[in-house]
């Protein structure tokens, strides 16, 4: 069991140790009393060089992986049974959680469980043996190289779900595939489609309740509940596929650049080594457009099991001042596989601290915040951000320290023609501006890319802000009609209009073109 500070300590050790120190040493160092379990797995394969190499691959990268365990406990440390899918709605779940919190003697426990300290030798050996069995015996898997096998079939976990020995159960669940080998052939994409169709028959997306789960569901929980959020669906698909030797991984947009939240989905590796997107338990390969034309992503990453070379933590000395996204050194940038990209070169960044800052970040606006989505080393006051989404995306250059984003330049739109359109205060003012909407938010159900309007509502309170190296708020006002009249508003900059009575995670910034709102 580790906490957040322990993870940072391990990562600090990782970036500060000599090149001679192996990742294996880091996992064994972190494992503590569980070290004997990892060493037993290594000893088990001393006479099988390839399986030993696989075991070393898993253990060497194990220190990167964990799951979060969140639960309510009584005074005797017994867990309070709580399953969100036993409730009919998210509203009832929230009320139940509040009720449990108010019971005397109930404690809320939120713990990070490291894989190195929790996996047993039996579990590890079981995963390795069964993974090798399907790699060698399934016609759609035998063509995979060892490196492909290690990333797309071998891992004992898909994302951040609890560790379980799921391979044998899921192998038996889909044993009927063995009777179809002659009909299916050796195409992993075709087999993936067959398994995904079975998943679609019983596993359902349920954001209302799934988003209320205390932690990501494990495979046994998903099989029991038959519902979940997008992460639960892709985890189930990943494990179900890998149990049959189908090479699958998880891709994600951590933060959308056109709306709140982010998204995860699956990819299957075809025989040509190309990853084909699909939605686990939802849409099959060839049906799934992970990124539609109107979607803005900033960055897309593939969740690998192994540490990826060139990650940020290898470049900096002060890992304490790195945005949390970049602690995930197993993420591989695959943006160019999905969208048109370009390199953004920014000169003369206005660094507010030491001009020798190690890195700068590029942020997108998501959920009411500027969120770092990628990084660049600095050449003096200049930075180059590579392979960035150029679908008219709003970006902001920044540094990061003490958990805060510190702007070092003006926000800008990166256009499809790779132009950088800077948004900056023109030094003049509108006498008055008429605002009709507080937000236009892309809705995933509108497949044509059209937008949903959120008109100003009478008797709601609003507050307009404009960007001047930070959000500057103007006086709030209560709408007495279907629009707002705002006076003495600076020209040429970025704006946002916030509710004062409701959440603003979905609101989008906008610019004014001849007084008309254009949401970004």
Protein backbone atom coordinates (compact mmCIF):
# COMPACT_ATOMS: atom_id res chain seq x y z
CA UNK A 1 0.00 0.00 0.00
CA UNK A 2 1.39 3.42 -0.96
CA UNK A 3 0.16 6.99 -0.82
CA UNK A 4 0.61 9.84 -3.27
CA UNK A 5 3.82 11.07 -1.64
CA UNK A 6 5.28 7.56 -1.87
CA UNK A 7 4.56 7.47 -5.60
CA UNK A 8 6.32 10.81 -6.07
CA UNK A 9 9.28 9.50 -4.05
CA UNK A 10 9.57 6.47 -6.30
CA UNK A 11 9.33 8.65 -9.40
CA UNK A 12 11.99 10.97 -7.99
CA UNK A 13 14.24 7.97 -7.44
CA UNK A 14 13.53 6.90 -10.99
CA UNK A 15 14.67 10.16 -12.57
CA UNK A 16 17.56 10.83 -10.21
CA UNK A 17 19.25 7.44 -10.14
CA UNK A 18 22.18 6.54 -12.37
CA UNK A 19 21.61 4.97 -15.75
CA UNK A 20 23.01 1.70 -14.40
CA UNK A 21 20.06 1.30 -12.03
CA UNK A 22 17.47 -0.89 -13.66
CA UNK A 23 13.69 -0.51 -13.56
CA UNK A 24 13.71 -3.96 -11.99
CA UNK A 25 15.49 -2.55 -8.95
CA UNK A 26 12.83 0.12 -8.57
CA UNK A 27 10.00 -2.42 -8.54
CA UNK A 28 11.84 -4.62 -6.06
CA UNK A 29 12.61 -1.58 -3.92
CA UNK A 30 8.96 -0.52 -3.87
CA UNK A 31 7.64 -4.02 -3.24
CA UNK A 32 8.76 -4.11 0.41
CA UNK A 33 7.52 -7.24 2.16
CA UNK A 34 6.03 -8.49 -1.11
CA UNK A 35 9.47 -8.73 -2.72
CA UNK A 36 9.63 -12.48 -2.12
CA UNK A 37 6.52 -12.93 -4.31
CA UNK A 38 8.16 -11.17 -7.26
CA UNK A 39 11.40 -13.10 -6.79
CA UNK A 40 9.49 -16.40 -6.63
CA UNK A 41 7.98 -15.64 -10.03
CA UNK A 42 11.43 -14.92 -11.46
CA UNK A 43 12.84 -18.11 -9.94
CA UNK A 44 9.95 -20.11 -11.39
CA UNK A 45 11.05 -19.30 -14.96
CA UNK A 46 14.81 -19.78 -14.67
CA UNK A 47 14.64 -22.73 -17.08
CA UNK A 48 12.41 -20.95 -19.64
CA UNK A 49 14.26 -17.95 -21.05
CA UNK A 50 11.36 -16.43 -23.00
CA UNK A 51 8.90 -16.62 -20.10
CA UNK A 52 11.62 -15.28 -17.82
CA UNK A 53 11.99 -12.34 -20.19
CA UNK A 54 8.23 -11.79 -20.02
CA UNK A 55 8.28 -11.92 -16.23
CA UNK A 56 11.10 -9.37 -16.19
CA UNK A 57 9.10 -7.13 -18.54
CA UNK A 58 6.12 -7.15 -16.19
CA UNK A 59 8.08 -6.72 -12.97
CA UNK A 60 10.41 -4.07 -14.42
CA UNK A 61 7.41 -1.87 -15.23
CA UNK A 62 5.26 -2.89 -12.28
CA UNK A 63 6.25 0.10 -10.13
CA UNK A 64 4.30 2.32 -12.54
CA UNK A 65 0.97 0.63 -11.85
CA UNK A 66 -1.56 0.72 -9.05
CA UNK A 67 -5.25 0.83 -8.33
CA UNK A 68 -7.25 3.00 -5.98
CA UNK A 69 -9.33 1.38 -3.26
CA UNK A 70 -12.11 3.57 -1.91
CA UNK A 71 -14.48 2.25 0.72
CA UNK A 72 -16.44 2.94 3.87
CA UNK A 73 -15.34 1.01 6.95
CA UNK A 74 -16.85 0.45 10.40
CA UNK A 75 -14.98 0.73 13.69
CA UNK A 76 -14.07 -2.98 13.46
CA UNK A 77 -12.51 -2.24 10.02
CA UNK A 78 -15.20 -4.24 8.25
CA UNK A 79 -16.21 -2.78 4.90
CA UNK A 80 -19.67 -1.32 4.45
CA UNK A 81 -21.34 -3.02 1.48
CA UNK A 82 -22.07 -0.39 -1.13
CA UNK A 83 -22.83 -1.03 -4.79
CA UNK A 84 -23.99 1.93 -6.87
CA UNK A 85 -25.79 -0.35 -9.32
CA UNK A 86 -28.25 -1.38 -6.63
CA UNK A 87 -29.70 2.15 -6.85
CA UNK A 88 -31.97 3.42 -9.59
CA UNK A 89 -30.27 6.78 -10.19
CA UNK A 90 -27.20 8.87 -9.54
CA UNK A 91 -29.26 11.17 -7.35
CA UNK A 92 -30.19 8.32 -5.01
CA UNK A 93 -26.55 7.21 -4.92
CA UNK A 94 -25.41 10.67 -3.83
CA UNK A 95 -28.01 10.72 -1.05
CA UNK A 96 -26.93 7.25 0.10
CA UNK A 97 -23.26 8.31 0.23
CA UNK A 98 -24.15 11.38 2.29
CA UNK A 99 -26.20 9.21 4.62
CA UNK A 100 -23.34 6.72 5.14
CA UNK A 101 -20.86 9.52 5.82
CA UNK A 102 -23.08 10.77 8.66
CA UNK A 103 -23.21 7.43 10.50
CA UNK A 104 -21.11 7.61 13.71
CA UNK A 105 -18.00 5.44 13.53
CA UNK A 106 -17.95 5.19 9.73
CA UNK A 107 -14.64 6.07 8.10
CA UNK A 108 -14.01 6.93 4.47
CA UNK A 109 -10.82 5.26 3.23
CA UNK A 110 -9.09 6.23 -0.01
CA UNK A 111 -5.91 4.21 -0.56
CA UNK A 112 -3.54 3.65 -3.45
CA UNK A 113 -2.57 0.00 -3.74
CA UNK A 114 0.69 -0.54 -5.62
CA UNK A 115 0.94 -3.60 -7.86
CA UNK A 116 4.43 -4.36 -6.54
CA UNK A 117 3.05 -4.65 -3.02
CA UNK A 118 -0.12 -6.57 -3.78
CA UNK A 119 0.35 -9.05 -6.64
CA UNK A 120 1.20 -12.62 -5.68
CA UNK A 121 3.62 -14.95 -7.42
CA UNK A 122 0.69 -17.28 -8.14
CA UNK A 123 -1.25 -14.52 -9.89
CA UNK A 124 1.77 -13.42 -11.89
CA UNK A 125 2.68 -16.95 -12.99
CA UNK A 126 -0.94 -17.67 -13.88
CA UNK A 127 -1.15 -14.59 -16.13
CA UNK A 128 2.15 -15.34 -17.86
CA UNK A 129 1.43 -19.01 -18.54
CA UNK A 130 -2.07 -18.39 -19.89
CA UNK A 131 -0.89 -15.45 -22.03
CA UNK A 132 1.79 -17.63 -23.62
CA UNK A 133 -0.75 -20.37 -24.23
CA UNK A 134 -3.01 -18.16 -26.36
CA UNK A 135 -0.05 -16.48 -28.10
CA UNK A 136 1.23 -19.82 -29.32
CA UNK A 137 -2.08 -21.57 -29.98
CA UNK A 138 -4.47 -18.98 -31.38
CA UNK A 139 -4.16 -18.49 -35.13
CA UNK A 140 -4.92 -14.76 -34.85
CA UNK A 141 -2.12 -14.24 -32.28
CA UNK A 142 0.79 -16.41 -33.40
CA UNK A 143 2.09 -13.79 -35.86
CA UNK A 144 2.75 -11.26 -33.09
CA UNK A 145 6.33 -10.36 -32.24
CA UNK A 146 7.49 -10.74 -28.66
CA UNK A 147 7.39 -6.98 -28.17
CA UNK A 148 3.81 -6.82 -29.51
CA UNK A 149 2.84 -9.74 -27.30
CA UNK A 150 4.25 -7.98 -24.23
CA UNK A 151 2.18 -4.85 -24.76
CA UNK A 152 -1.03 -6.15 -26.29
CA UNK A 153 -1.64 -9.55 -24.63
CA UNK A 154 0.69 -10.21 -21.67
CA UNK A 155 -0.25 -7.46 -19.12
CA UNK A 156 -2.21 -8.65 -16.10
CA UNK A 157 -4.15 -5.37 -15.94
CA UNK A 158 -5.84 -3.17 -18.53
CA UNK A 159 -6.00 0.22 -16.82
CA UNK A 160 -6.39 0.98 -13.09
CA UNK A 161 -8.80 -1.75 -12.07
CA UNK A 162 -8.07 -4.05 -9.09
CA UNK A 163 -5.76 -6.98 -9.85
CA UNK A 164 -7.53 -10.31 -10.41
CA UNK A 165 -6.79 -13.69 -12.00
CA UNK A 166 -9.26 -13.19 -14.82
CA UNK A 167 -7.62 -15.03 -17.73
CA UNK A 168 -8.85 -18.55 -17.09
CA UNK A 169 -12.47 -17.50 -16.38
CA UNK A 170 -12.63 -15.29 -19.46
CA UNK A 171 -10.93 -17.93 -21.58
CA UNK A 172 -13.64 -20.41 -20.58
CA UNK A 173 -16.37 -17.82 -21.17
CA UNK A 174 -15.30 -17.49 -24.80
CA UNK A 175 -14.21 -21.09 -25.36
CA UNK A 176 -16.82 -21.35 -28.11
CA UNK A 177 -14.41 -19.34 -30.26
CA UNK A 178 -12.29 -22.48 -30.58
CA UNK A 179 -15.11 -24.17 -32.49
CA UNK A 180 -15.22 -21.28 -34.94
CA UNK A 181 -11.53 -21.12 -35.86
CA UNK A 182 -12.14 -22.58 -39.30
CA UNK A 183 -14.82 -20.01 -40.04
CA UNK A 184 -13.02 -17.07 -38.43
CA UNK A 185 -9.57 -17.60 -39.88
CA UNK A 186 -6.61 -15.75 -38.48
CA UNK A 187 -7.73 -12.12 -38.66
CA UNK A 188 -7.55 -10.52 -35.18
CA UNK A 189 -9.94 -7.75 -36.25
CA UNK A 190 -12.64 -10.25 -37.21
CA UNK A 191 -12.24 -12.16 -33.94
CA UNK A 192 -12.31 -8.89 -32.01
CA UNK A 193 -15.63 -8.05 -33.66
CA UNK A 194 -17.15 -11.40 -32.66
CA UNK A 195 -16.14 -11.01 -29.02
CA UNK A 196 -17.26 -7.37 -28.94
CA UNK A 197 -20.67 -8.35 -30.27
CA UNK A 198 -21.02 -10.75 -27.34
CA UNK A 199 -20.00 -7.97 -24.93
CA UNK A 200 -22.57 -5.64 -26.48
CA UNK A 201 -25.31 -8.16 -25.74
CA UNK A 202 -25.01 -7.76 -21.96
CA UNK A 203 -22.62 -4.94 -20.91
CA UNK A 204 -24.23 -1.48 -20.96
CA UNK A 205 -22.86 2.04 -20.64
CA UNK A 206 -24.32 3.79 -17.59
CA UNK A 207 -22.77 7.17 -16.88
CA UNK A 208 -25.40 8.26 -14.37
CA UNK A 209 -24.58 5.45 -11.95
CA UNK A 210 -21.17 4.42 -13.26
CA UNK A 211 -19.68 7.85 -12.61
CA UNK A 212 -20.63 7.44 -8.93
CA UNK A 213 -18.62 4.26 -8.36
CA UNK A 214 -16.11 4.73 -5.56
CA UNK A 215 -13.30 3.30 -7.72
CA UNK A 216 -12.84 1.65 -11.11
CA UNK A 217 -14.58 -1.72 -11.24
CA UNK A 218 -12.64 -4.94 -11.42
CA UNK A 219 -13.49 -7.69 -13.89
CA UNK A 220 -15.56 -9.68 -11.37
CA UNK A 221 -17.56 -6.54 -10.49
CA UNK A 222 -18.24 -5.74 -14.15
CA UNK A 223 -19.40 -9.31 -14.79
CA UNK A 224 -21.74 -9.02 -11.81
CA UNK A 225 -23.10 -5.50 -12.41
CA UNK A 226 -23.24 -5.60 -16.22
CA UNK A 227 -23.08 -1.80 -16.33
CA UNK A 228 -20.34 0.80 -16.10
CA UNK A 229 -18.79 4.01 -17.31
CA UNK A 230 -16.61 4.09 -20.45
CA UNK A 231 -13.47 3.00 -18.56
CA UNK A 232 -15.26 -0.06 -17.21
CA UNK A 233 -16.40 -1.05 -20.70
CA UNK A 234 -12.96 -0.72 -22.26
CA UNK A 235 -11.32 -2.57 -19.36
CA UNK A 236 -13.75 -5.47 -19.78
CA UNK A 237 -13.17 -5.51 -23.54
CA UNK A 238 -9.40 -5.42 -23.12
CA UNK A 239 -9.30 -8.34 -20.71
CA UNK A 240 -11.86 -10.41 -22.62
CA UNK A 241 -9.86 -9.95 -25.83
CA UNK A 242 -6.45 -10.59 -24.29
CA UNK A 243 -7.71 -13.77 -22.64
CA UNK A 244 -8.32 -15.06 -26.18
CA UNK A 245 -5.03 -13.77 -27.59
CA UNK A 246 -6.61 -10.83 -29.40
CA UNK A 247 -4.09 -7.95 -29.33
CA UNK A 248 -5.90 -4.99 -27.77
CA UNK A 249 -4.95 -1.76 -25.98
CA UNK A 250 -6.65 1.36 -24.57
CA UNK A 251 -6.35 4.84 -26.09
CA UNK A 252 -7.56 7.99 -24.42
CA UNK A 253 -8.10 11.70 -24.74
CA UNK A 254 -7.45 12.76 -21.11
CA UNK A 255 -9.16 16.11 -21.68
CA UNK A 256 -11.33 17.14 -24.62
CA UNK A 257 -10.42 20.54 -26.05
CA UNK A 258 -13.99 21.39 -27.10
CA UNK A 259 -15.97 20.29 -24.05
CA UNK A 260 -15.62 18.97 -20.51
CA UNK A 261 -14.30 15.56 -19.45
CA UNK A 262 -12.30 13.14 -21.62
CA UNK A 263 -12.77 9.68 -23.10
CA UNK A 264 -11.26 6.21 -23.41
CA UNK A 265 -11.74 3.57 -26.11
CA UNK A 266 -10.07 0.44 -27.43
CA UNK A 267 -7.80 -0.37 -30.35
CA UNK A 268 -7.08 -3.76 -31.90
CA UNK A 269 -3.75 -4.43 -33.62
CA UNK A 270 -4.36 -5.78 -37.11
CA UNK A 271 -2.01 -8.13 -39.00
CA UNK A 272 -0.22 -5.17 -40.58
CA UNK A 273 0.63 -3.70 -37.19
CA UNK A 274 -1.96 -0.91 -37.46
CA UNK A 275 -4.21 -0.10 -34.51
CA UNK A 276 -7.92 -0.03 -35.43
CA UNK A 277 -10.19 1.85 -32.98
CA UNK A 278 -13.34 0.32 -31.53
CA UNK A 279 -15.61 1.00 -28.59
CA UNK A 280 -15.51 -1.83 -26.08
CA UNK A 281 -19.04 -3.30 -25.74
CA UNK A 282 -20.36 -0.49 -27.96
CA UNK A 283 -19.01 -0.15 -31.51
CA UNK A 284 -16.95 -2.59 -33.55
CA UNK A 285 -13.79 -1.93 -35.57
CA UNK A 286 -14.84 -0.11 -38.72
CA UNK A 287 -17.97 1.27 -37.05
CA UNK A 288 -16.20 3.38 -34.47
CA UNK A 289 -15.10 6.91 -35.36
CA UNK A 290 -13.13 7.72 -32.23
CA UNK A 291 -12.58 11.30 -33.33
CA UNK A 292 -15.31 12.92 -35.43
CA UNK A 293 -14.57 15.97 -37.57
CA UNK A 294 -15.89 18.48 -35.05
CA UNK A 295 -14.03 16.97 -32.08
CA UNK A 296 -10.98 18.77 -30.66
CA UNK A 297 -8.53 16.73 -28.65
CA UNK A 298 -5.23 18.51 -28.09
CA UNK A 299 -3.58 15.15 -27.45
CA UNK A 300 -4.38 11.42 -27.59
CA UNK A 301 -2.33 8.82 -25.74
CA UNK A 302 -2.04 5.03 -25.77
CA UNK A 303 -1.87 3.31 -22.40
CA UNK A 304 1.16 1.06 -22.57
CA UNK A 305 2.32 -1.24 -19.80
CA UNK A 306 5.97 -0.26 -20.20
CA UNK A 307 7.63 3.05 -19.40
CA UNK A 308 7.89 5.04 -22.62
CA UNK A 309 11.26 6.54 -23.60
CA UNK A 310 11.61 10.31 -23.70
CA UNK A 311 8.93 10.87 -21.08
CA UNK A 312 8.91 14.14 -19.16
CA UNK A 313 10.25 12.74 -15.88
CA UNK A 314 13.46 11.81 -17.66
CA UNK A 315 13.94 15.46 -18.64
CA UNK A 316 13.41 17.38 -15.39
CA UNK A 317 15.08 17.61 -11.99
CA UNK A 318 12.08 18.89 -10.03
CA UNK A 319 9.47 16.15 -10.42
CA UNK A 320 7.46 17.64 -7.55
CA UNK A 321 6.42 20.43 -9.93
CA UNK A 322 5.14 18.30 -12.80
CA UNK A 323 1.41 18.15 -13.67
CA UNK A 324 -0.11 14.82 -12.55
CA UNK A 325 -0.84 13.70 -16.13
CA UNK A 326 2.88 13.42 -16.85
CA UNK A 327 3.59 11.13 -13.91
CA UNK A 328 2.04 8.54 -16.20
CA UNK A 329 5.27 7.73 -17.99
CA UNK A 330 3.64 4.73 -19.70
CA UNK A 331 1.61 6.99 -22.04
CA UNK A 332 2.56 7.01 -25.72
CA UNK A 333 1.57 9.97 -27.90
CA UNK A 334 -0.57 8.67 -30.79
CA UNK A 335 -2.35 11.92 -31.73
CA UNK A 336 -1.12 11.70 -35.31
CA UNK A 337 -2.94 8.36 -35.74
CA UNK A 338 -6.27 10.17 -35.31
CA UNK A 339 -6.14 13.81 -36.36
CA UNK A 340 -4.16 16.25 -38.51
CA UNK A 341 -1.28 17.59 -36.45
CA UNK A 342 1.36 20.27 -36.63
CA UNK A 343 4.26 21.59 -34.58
CA UNK A 344 3.57 24.77 -32.61
CA UNK A 345 6.65 26.99 -32.25
CA UNK A 346 6.28 29.74 -29.65
CA UNK A 347 8.91 32.43 -29.26
CA UNK A 348 9.57 34.94 -26.47
CA UNK A 349 7.50 33.27 -23.79
CA UNK A 350 7.06 35.57 -20.82
CA UNK A 351 8.63 33.39 -18.17
CA UNK A 352 7.76 34.80 -14.77
CA UNK A 353 10.36 32.85 -12.82
CA UNK A 354 13.85 31.67 -13.69
CA UNK A 355 14.45 31.96 -17.48
CA UNK A 356 16.16 28.58 -17.21
CA UNK A 357 12.86 26.85 -16.41
CA UNK A 358 13.24 23.31 -17.65
CA UNK A 359 9.97 22.97 -19.54
CA UNK A 360 6.88 24.81 -20.70
CA UNK A 361 3.42 23.35 -21.07
CA UNK A 362 0.62 23.83 -23.54
CA UNK A 363 -2.87 23.81 -22.03
CA UNK A 364 -6.39 23.33 -23.30
CA UNK A 365 -9.55 24.64 -21.61
CA UNK A 366 -11.62 21.85 -20.10
CA UNK A 367 -14.10 21.69 -17.25
CA UNK A 368 -13.63 25.33 -16.27
CA UNK A 369 -9.84 25.07 -16.05
CA UNK A 370 -6.69 25.39 -18.12
CA UNK A 371 -5.24 21.87 -18.16
CA UNK A 372 -1.68 21.02 -19.30
CA UNK A 373 -1.92 18.54 -22.16
CA UNK A 374 1.67 18.42 -23.44
CA UNK A 375 5.12 19.79 -22.74
CA UNK A 376 8.25 21.12 -24.44
CA UNK A 377 11.80 21.67 -23.29
CA UNK A 378 12.86 25.32 -23.47
CA UNK A 379 15.45 26.91 -25.70
CA UNK A 380 15.85 30.17 -23.86
CA UNK A 381 12.35 31.64 -23.96
CA UNK A 382 11.25 29.52 -26.92
CA UNK A 383 9.33 26.24 -27.00
CA UNK A 384 8.15 23.80 -29.67
CA UNK A 385 5.15 21.56 -29.03
CA UNK A 386 5.11 18.67 -31.47
CA UNK A 387 2.22 16.83 -33.11
CA UNK A 388 -0.54 19.06 -31.77
CA UNK A 389 -4.15 18.86 -32.94
CA UNK A 390 -4.75 21.71 -35.41
CA UNK A 391 -8.55 21.58 -35.63
CA UNK A 392 -8.95 25.24 -34.62
CA UNK A 393 -8.04 24.36 -31.03
CA UNK A 394 -7.75 26.94 -28.25
CA UNK A 395 -4.38 26.65 -26.44
CA UNK A 396 -2.52 28.53 -23.69
CA UNK A 397 1.26 28.35 -23.01
CA UNK A 398 2.18 28.06 -19.34
CA UNK A 399 4.59 26.86 -16.71
CA UNK A 400 3.51 24.82 -13.70
CA UNK A 401 4.46 25.03 -10.04
CA UNK A 402 2.89 24.25 -6.69
CA UNK A 403 -0.14 22.79 -8.41
CA UNK A 404 -0.85 25.97 -10.36
CA UNK A 405 -0.84 26.78 -14.06
CA UNK A 406 1.12 29.99 -14.69
CA UNK A 407 0.40 31.58 -18.11
CA UNK A 408 3.52 32.68 -20.02
CA UNK A 409 1.84 33.89 -23.20
CA UNK A 410 -1.48 34.82 -24.75
CA UNK A 411 -4.16 32.24 -25.55
CA UNK A 412 -4.33 31.39 -29.23
CA UNK A 413 -6.20 29.29 -31.77
CA UNK A 414 -4.14 26.82 -33.80
CA UNK A 415 -5.86 26.64 -37.17
CA UNK A 416 -6.16 23.91 -39.76
CA UNK A 417 -3.70 25.85 -41.94
CA UNK A 418 -1.22 25.81 -39.00
CA UNK A 419 -1.63 29.50 -38.27
CA UNK A 420 -1.34 30.76 -34.71
CA UNK A 421 -4.14 33.28 -34.14
CA UNK A 422 -3.27 35.09 -30.92
CA UNK A 423 -6.12 36.37 -28.77
CA UNK A 424 -5.15 39.53 -26.92
CA UNK A 425 -6.74 42.61 -25.44
CA UNK A 426 -7.04 45.31 -28.10
CA UNK A 427 -6.90 48.12 -25.54
CA UNK A 428 -10.34 49.40 -26.54
CA UNK A 429 -13.83 48.77 -25.18
CA UNK A 430 -17.30 47.89 -26.39
CA UNK A 431 -19.82 50.37 -25.02
CA UNK A 432 -22.15 47.43 -24.59
CA UNK A 433 -22.34 43.81 -25.65
CA UNK A 434 -25.50 41.73 -25.95
CA UNK A 435 -24.94 38.11 -24.87
CA UNK A 436 -27.54 35.50 -25.80
CA UNK A 437 -25.84 32.32 -24.62
CA UNK A 438 -23.78 31.34 -21.63
CA UNK A 439 -22.39 28.35 -23.51
CA UNK A 440 -22.47 26.30 -26.65
CA UNK A 441 -21.38 22.79 -25.83
CA UNK A 442 -20.81 19.99 -28.31
CA UNK A 443 -23.04 17.08 -27.51
CA UNK A 444 -21.84 13.60 -28.48
CA UNK A 445 -25.37 12.63 -29.45
CA UNK A 446 -25.39 15.24 -32.23
CA UNK A 447 -23.49 13.20 -34.80
CA UNK A 448 -23.57 15.91 -37.48
CA UNK A 449 -21.35 18.16 -35.40
CA UNK A 450 -24.08 20.68 -34.71
CA UNK A 451 -24.11 22.40 -31.34
CA UNK A 452 -26.64 22.72 -28.60
CA UNK A 453 -27.58 26.22 -27.53
CA UNK A 454 -27.85 27.15 -23.87
CA UNK A 455 -29.76 30.45 -23.87
CA UNK A 456 -29.68 33.00 -21.11
CA UNK A 457 -32.38 32.16 -18.56
CA UNK A 458 -34.48 34.74 -16.81
CA UNK A 459 -33.81 35.18 -13.07
CA UNK A 460 -30.48 33.34 -13.29
CA UNK A 461 -27.38 35.14 -12.06
CA UNK A 462 -24.41 35.49 -14.43
CA UNK A 463 -20.91 36.89 -14.32
CA UNK A 464 -18.82 37.81 -17.37
CA UNK A 465 -15.03 37.40 -17.28
CA UNK A 466 -12.36 38.43 -19.78
CA UNK A 467 -8.78 37.21 -20.13
CA UNK A 468 -5.90 39.53 -19.23
CA UNK A 469 -3.16 37.07 -18.23
CA UNK A 470 -5.82 35.74 -15.84
CA UNK A 471 -9.60 35.79 -15.67
CA UNK A 472 -10.84 39.26 -14.71
CA UNK A 473 -14.45 39.31 -13.55
CA UNK A 474 -16.96 42.06 -14.26
CA UNK A 475 -19.99 42.79 -12.13
CA UNK A 476 -22.55 40.00 -11.82
CA UNK A 477 -26.11 40.51 -12.92
CA UNK A 478 -29.44 38.72 -12.86
CA UNK A 479 -31.06 38.18 -16.24
CA UNK A 480 -34.47 39.78 -16.58
CA UNK A 481 -34.91 38.61 -20.15
CA UNK A 482 -33.39 36.10 -22.62
CA UNK A 483 -30.17 38.07 -23.04
CA UNK A 484 -27.66 40.05 -21.01
CA UNK A 485 -26.39 43.55 -21.69
CA UNK A 486 -22.79 44.02 -20.52
CA UNK A 487 -21.21 47.46 -20.64
CA UNK A 488 -17.57 48.59 -21.02
CA UNK A 489 -16.28 45.20 -22.11
CA UNK A 490 -12.65 45.03 -23.38
CA UNK A 491 -12.29 44.25 -27.09
CA UNK A 492 -10.29 41.55 -28.77
CA UNK A 493 -9.78 39.15 -25.90
CA UNK A 494 -11.18 35.84 -24.61
CA UNK A 495 -14.39 35.71 -22.55
CA UNK A 496 -16.43 33.32 -20.49
CA UNK A 497 -19.86 33.67 -18.94
CA UNK A 498 -20.48 31.79 -15.73
CA UNK A 499 -23.59 30.80 -13.84
CA UNK A 500 -23.43 31.88 -10.22
CA UNK A 501 -26.07 29.42 -9.05
CA UNK A 502 -24.98 26.27 -10.91
CA UNK A 503 -21.83 24.45 -11.94
CA UNK A 504 -19.74 25.66 -14.85
CA UNK A 505 -17.79 22.56 -15.85
CA UNK A 506 -19.42 22.55 -19.29
CA UNK A 507 -19.09 26.22 -20.16
CA UNK A 508 -16.80 27.23 -23.02
CA UNK A 509 -14.74 30.40 -23.59
CA UNK A 510 -15.66 32.56 -26.57
CA UNK A 511 -14.47 35.49 -28.63
CA UNK A 512 -16.59 38.31 -30.06
CA UNK A 513 -16.73 38.84 -33.82
CA UNK A 514 -18.54 42.11 -34.51
CA UNK A 515 -20.23 41.65 -31.16
CA UNK A 516 -21.37 38.08 -31.91
CA UNK A 517 -20.28 35.21 -29.67
CA UNK A 518 -18.02 32.56 -31.23
CA UNK A 519 -17.39 29.69 -28.84
CA UNK A 520 -14.03 27.89 -28.89
